[in-house]
PDB file of N, CA and C in Angstrom:
ATOM      1  N   MET A   1     107.625 158.963  11.799  1.00  0.00           N
ATOM      2  CA  MET A   1     107.718 157.160  11.139  1.00  0.00           C
ATOM      3  C   MET A   1     107.443 155.968  11.928  1.00  0.00           C
ATOM      4  N   LEU A   2     108.036 156.217  13.260  1.00  0.00           N
ATOM      5  CA  LEU A   2     107.956 154.996  14.397  1.00  0.00           C
ATOM      6  C   LEU A   2     106.760 154.989  14.517  1.00  0.00           C
ATOM      7  N   ALA A   3     105.932 156.355  14.455  1.00  0.00           N
ATOM      8  CA  ALA A   3     104.664 156.396  15.124  1.00  0.00           C
ATOM      9  C   ALA A   3     103.403 155.468  14.188  1.00  0.00           C
ATOM     10  N   ARG A   4     103.851 155.832  12.587  1.00  0.00           N
ATOM     11  CA  ARG A   4     102.840 154.835  11.554  1.00  0.00           C
ATOM     12  C   ARG A   4     103.140 153.575  11.987  1.00  0.00           C
ATOM     13  N   HIS A   5     104.316 153.290  12.432  1.00  0.00           N
ATOM     14  CA  HIS A   5     105.178 151.998  12.502  1.00  0.00           C
ATOM     15  C   HIS A   5     104.366 150.691  13.387  1.00  0.00           C
ATOM     16  N   ASN A   6     104.167 152.050  14.310  1.00  0.00           N
ATOM     17  CA  ASN A   6     103.359 151.105  15.433  1.00  0.00           C
ATOM     18  C   ASN A   6     102.303 151.057  15.451  1.00  0.00           C
ATOM     19  N   ARG A   7     101.363 152.379  14.915  1.00  0.00           N
ATOM     20  CA  ARG A   7      99.800 152.441  14.795  1.00  0.00           C
ATOM     21  C   ARG A   7      99.423 150.795  13.305  1.00  0.00           C
ATOM     22  N   SER A   8     100.722 150.479  12.435  1.00  0.00           N
ATOM     23  CA  SER A   8     100.420 149.821  11.768  1.00  0.00           C
ATOM     24  C   SER A   8     100.197 148.541  12.154  1.00  0.00           C
ATOM     25  N   ARG A   9     101.310 148.103  13.012  1.00  0.00           N
ATOM     26  CA  ARG A   9     101.292 146.712  14.228  1.00  0.00           C
ATOM     27  C   ARG A   9     100.249 146.658  14.845  1.00  0.00           C
ATOM     28  N   GLU A  10      99.587 148.045  15.678  1.00  0.00           N
ATOM     29  CA  GLU A  10      98.293 148.008  16.282  1.00  0.00           C
ATOM     30  C   GLU A  10      97.268 147.496  15.572  1.00  0.00           C
ATOM     31  N   MET A  11      97.165 147.852  14.285  1.00  0.00           N
ATOM     32  CA  MET A  11      96.139 147.732  13.431  1.00  0.00           C
ATOM     33  C   MET A  11      96.367 146.168  12.677  1.00  0.00           C
ATOM     34  N   ASP A  12      97.676 145.372  13.075  1.00  0.00           N
ATOM     35  CA  ASP A  12      97.466 144.716  12.459  1.00  0.00           C
ATOM     36  C   ASP A  12      96.989 142.945  13.478  1.00  0.00           C
ATOM     37  N   TYR A  13      97.699 143.631  14.429  1.00  0.00           N
ATOM     38  CA  TYR A  13      97.706 142.785  15.928  1.00  0.00           C
ATOM     39  C   TYR A  13      95.977 142.742  16.164  1.00  0.00           C
ATOM     40  N   LYS A  14      95.429 143.870  15.866  1.00  0.00           N
ATOM     41  CA  LYS A  14      94.118 143.667  15.815  1.00  0.00           C
ATOM     42  C   LYS A  14      92.801 143.096  15.126  1.00  0.00           C
ATOM     43  N   LYS A  15      93.422 143.011  13.599  1.00  0.00           N
ATOM     44  CA  LYS A  15      92.762 142.009  12.734  1.00  0.00           C
ATOM     45  C   LYS A  15      93.004 141.084  13.013  1.00  0.00           C
ATOM     46  N   LEU A  16      94.243 140.920  13.501  1.00  0.00           N
ATOM     47  CA  LEU A  16      94.698 139.112  14.046  1.00  0.00           C
ATOM     48  C   LEU A  16      93.702 138.633  15.080  1.00  0.00           C
ATOM     49  N   VAL A  17      93.339 139.596  16.185  1.00  0.00           N
ATOM     50  CA  VAL A  17      92.515 139.269  17.048  1.00  0.00           C
ATOM     51  C   VAL A  17      91.170 139.314  16.686  1.00  0.00           C
ATOM     52  N   MET A  18      91.104 140.063  15.774  1.00  0.00           N
ATOM     53  CA  MET A  18      89.093 139.882  14.712  1.00  0.00           C
ATOM     54  C   MET A  18      89.383 138.379  14.378  1.00  0.00           C
ATOM     55  N   LEU A  19      90.283 138.151  13.926  1.00  0.00           N
ATOM     56  CA  LEU A  19      90.031 136.967  12.446  1.00  0.00           C
ATOM     57  C   LEU A  19      90.135 135.892  13.988  1.00  0.00           C
ATOM     58  N   THR A  20      90.915 135.691  14.940  1.00  0.00           N
ATOM     59  CA  THR A  20      90.594 134.637  15.587  1.00  0.00           C
ATOM     60  C   THR A  20      89.211 134.739  16.328  1.00  0.00           C
ATOM     61  N   LEU A  21      88.607 135.508  16.557  1.00  0.00           N
ATOM     62  CA  LEU A  21      87.464 135.786  17.536  1.00  0.00           C
ATOM     63  C   LEU A  21      86.570 135.031  16.474  1.00  0.00           C
ATOM     64  N   TYR A  22      86.621 135.532  14.838  1.00  0.00           N
ATOM     65  CA  TYR A  22      85.971 134.707  14.088  1.00  0.00           C
ATOM     66  C   TYR A  22      86.158 133.647  13.804  1.00  0.00           C
ATOM     67  N   ALA A  23      87.420 133.009  13.836  1.00  0.00           N
ATOM     68  CA  ALA A  23      87.933 131.536  13.730  1.00  0.00           C
ATOM     69  C   ALA A  23      86.509 130.825  15.255  1.00  0.00           C
ATOM     70  N   LYS A  24      87.125 131.601  16.100  1.00  0.00           N
ATOM     71  CA  LYS A  24      86.355 130.761  17.494  1.00  0.00           C
ATOM     72  C   LYS A  24      84.818 130.992  17.158  1.00  0.00           C
ATOM     73  N   ASN A  25      84.175 131.776  16.996  1.00  0.00           N
ATOM     74  CA  ASN A  25      82.773 131.667  16.303  1.00  0.00           C
ATOM     75  C   ASN A  25      82.081 130.367  15.072  1.00  0.00           C
ATOM     76  N   VAL A  26      83.476 130.034  14.575  1.00  0.00           N
ATOM     77  CA  VAL A  26      83.231 128.960  13.635  1.00  0.00           C
ATOM     78  C   VAL A  26      83.034 127.928  13.928  1.00  0.00           C
ATOM     79  N   LYS A  27      84.453 127.307  15.010  1.00  0.00           N
ATOM     80  CA  LYS A  27      84.631 126.330  15.144  1.00  0.00           C
ATOM     81  C   LYS A  27      84.691 126.300  16.515  1.00  0.00           C
ATOM     82  N   GLU A  28      84.594 125.756  17.250  1.00  0.00           N
ATOM     83  CA  GLU A  28      83.776 125.673  18.610  1.00  0.00           C
ATOM     84  C   GLU A  28      85.137 125.660  19.801  1.00  0.00           C
ATOM     85  N   THR A  29      86.563 125.254  19.179  1.00  0.00           N
ATOM     86  CA  THR A  29      88.167 125.691  19.982  1.00  0.00           C
ATOM     87  C   THR A  29      88.751 125.743  18.793  1.00  0.00           C
ATOM     88  N   ILE A  30      89.595 126.283  19.170  1.00  0.00           N
ATOM     89  CA  ILE A  30      91.112 126.191  18.522  1.00  0.00           C
ATOM     90  C   ILE A  30      91.856 126.002  19.407  1.00  0.00           C
ATOM     91  N   PRO A  31      92.271 124.878  18.160  1.00  0.00           N
ATOM     92  CA  PRO A  31      93.565 124.157  18.917  1.00  0.00           C
ATOM     93  C   PRO A  31      94.562 124.364  19.574  1.00  0.00           C
ATOM     94  N   ALA A  32      95.138 124.459  20.989  1.00  0.00           N
ATOM     95  CA  ALA A  32      96.461 125.157  21.519  1.00  0.00           C
ATOM     96  C   ALA A  32      97.621 125.502  20.614  1.00  0.00           C
ATOM     97  N   HIS A  33      97.861 124.421  20.019  1.00  0.00           N
ATOM     98  CA  HIS A  33      99.224 124.723  19.349  1.00  0.00           C
ATOM     99  C   HIS A  33      99.137 125.774  17.980  1.00  0.00           C
ATOM    100  N   VAL A  34      97.860 126.289  17.463  1.00  0.00           N
ATOM    101  CA  VAL A  34      97.370 127.407  16.717  1.00  0.00           C
ATOM    102  C   VAL A  34      97.467 128.234  17.628  1.00  0.00           C
ATOM    103  N   LEU A  35      97.072 128.226  18.785  1.00  0.00           N
ATOM    104  CA  LEU A  35      96.829 129.587  19.302  1.00  0.00           C
ATOM    105  C   LEU A  35      98.147 130.244  20.070  1.00  0.00           C
ATOM    106  N   LYS A  36      99.050 128.885  20.216  1.00  0.00           N
ATOM    107  CA  LYS A  36     100.726 129.374  20.555  1.00  0.00           C
ATOM    108  C   LYS A  36     101.390 129.966  19.360  1.00  0.00           C
ATOM    109  N   GLN A  37     101.289 129.347  17.820  1.00  0.00           N
ATOM    110  CA  GLN A  37     101.580 129.663  16.995  1.00  0.00           C
ATOM    111  C   GLN A  37     101.443 131.599  16.722  1.00  0.00           C
ATOM    112  N   ILE A  38      99.972 131.905  17.248  1.00  0.00           N
ATOM    113  CA  ILE A  38      99.852 133.157  17.021  1.00  0.00           C
ATOM    114  C   ILE A  38     100.335 133.645  18.035  1.00  0.00           C
ATOM    115  N   LYS A  39     100.830 133.482  19.241  1.00  0.00           N
ATOM    116  CA  LYS A  39     101.167 134.075  20.124  1.00  0.00           C
ATOM    117  C   LYS A  39     102.615 134.176  20.288  1.00  0.00           C
ATOM    118  N   GLU A  40     103.397 133.398  19.477  1.00  0.00           N
ATOM    119  CA  GLU A  40     105.125 133.597  19.032  1.00  0.00           C
ATOM    120  C   GLU A  40     105.096 134.547  17.580  1.00  0.00           C
ATOM    121  N   ALA A  41     103.953 134.682  16.823  1.00  0.00           N
ATOM    122  CA  ALA A  41     104.129 135.168  15.619  1.00  0.00           C
ATOM    123  C   ALA A  41     103.970 137.012  16.129  1.00  0.00           C
ATOM    124  N   ILE A  42     102.902 137.176  17.649  1.00  0.00           N
ATOM    125  CA  ILE A  42     103.145 138.488  18.148  1.00  0.00           C
ATOM    126  C   ILE A  42     104.120 139.221  18.705  1.00  0.00           C
ATOM    127  N   ASP A  43     104.984 137.754  19.043  1.00  0.00           N
ATOM    128  CA  ASP A  43     105.913 138.273  20.235  1.00  0.00           C
ATOM    129  C   ASP A  43     107.138 138.486  19.322  1.00  0.00           C
ATOM    130  N   ASN A  44     106.976 138.047  18.119  1.00  0.00           N
ATOM    131  CA  ASN A  44     108.208 138.039  17.464  1.00  0.00           C
ATOM    132  C   ASN A  44     108.160 139.450  16.230  1.00  0.00           C
ATOM    133  N   GLU A  45     107.280 140.137  16.509  1.00  0.00           N
ATOM    134  CA  GLU A  45     106.821 141.117  15.942  1.00  0.00           C
ATOM    135  C   GLU A  45     108.247 142.307  15.785  1.00  0.00           C
TER     136      GLU A  45
END
């Protein structure tokens, strides 16, 4: 069960990274406060 949770969390993290990369392609810069919020969300998981 724990392995499934870890895989799910890893997939969520990968999706978040891909969305961030996509946003970076759409917009030249991502504000620092947004990146900080993303980091805090990942750290609090």
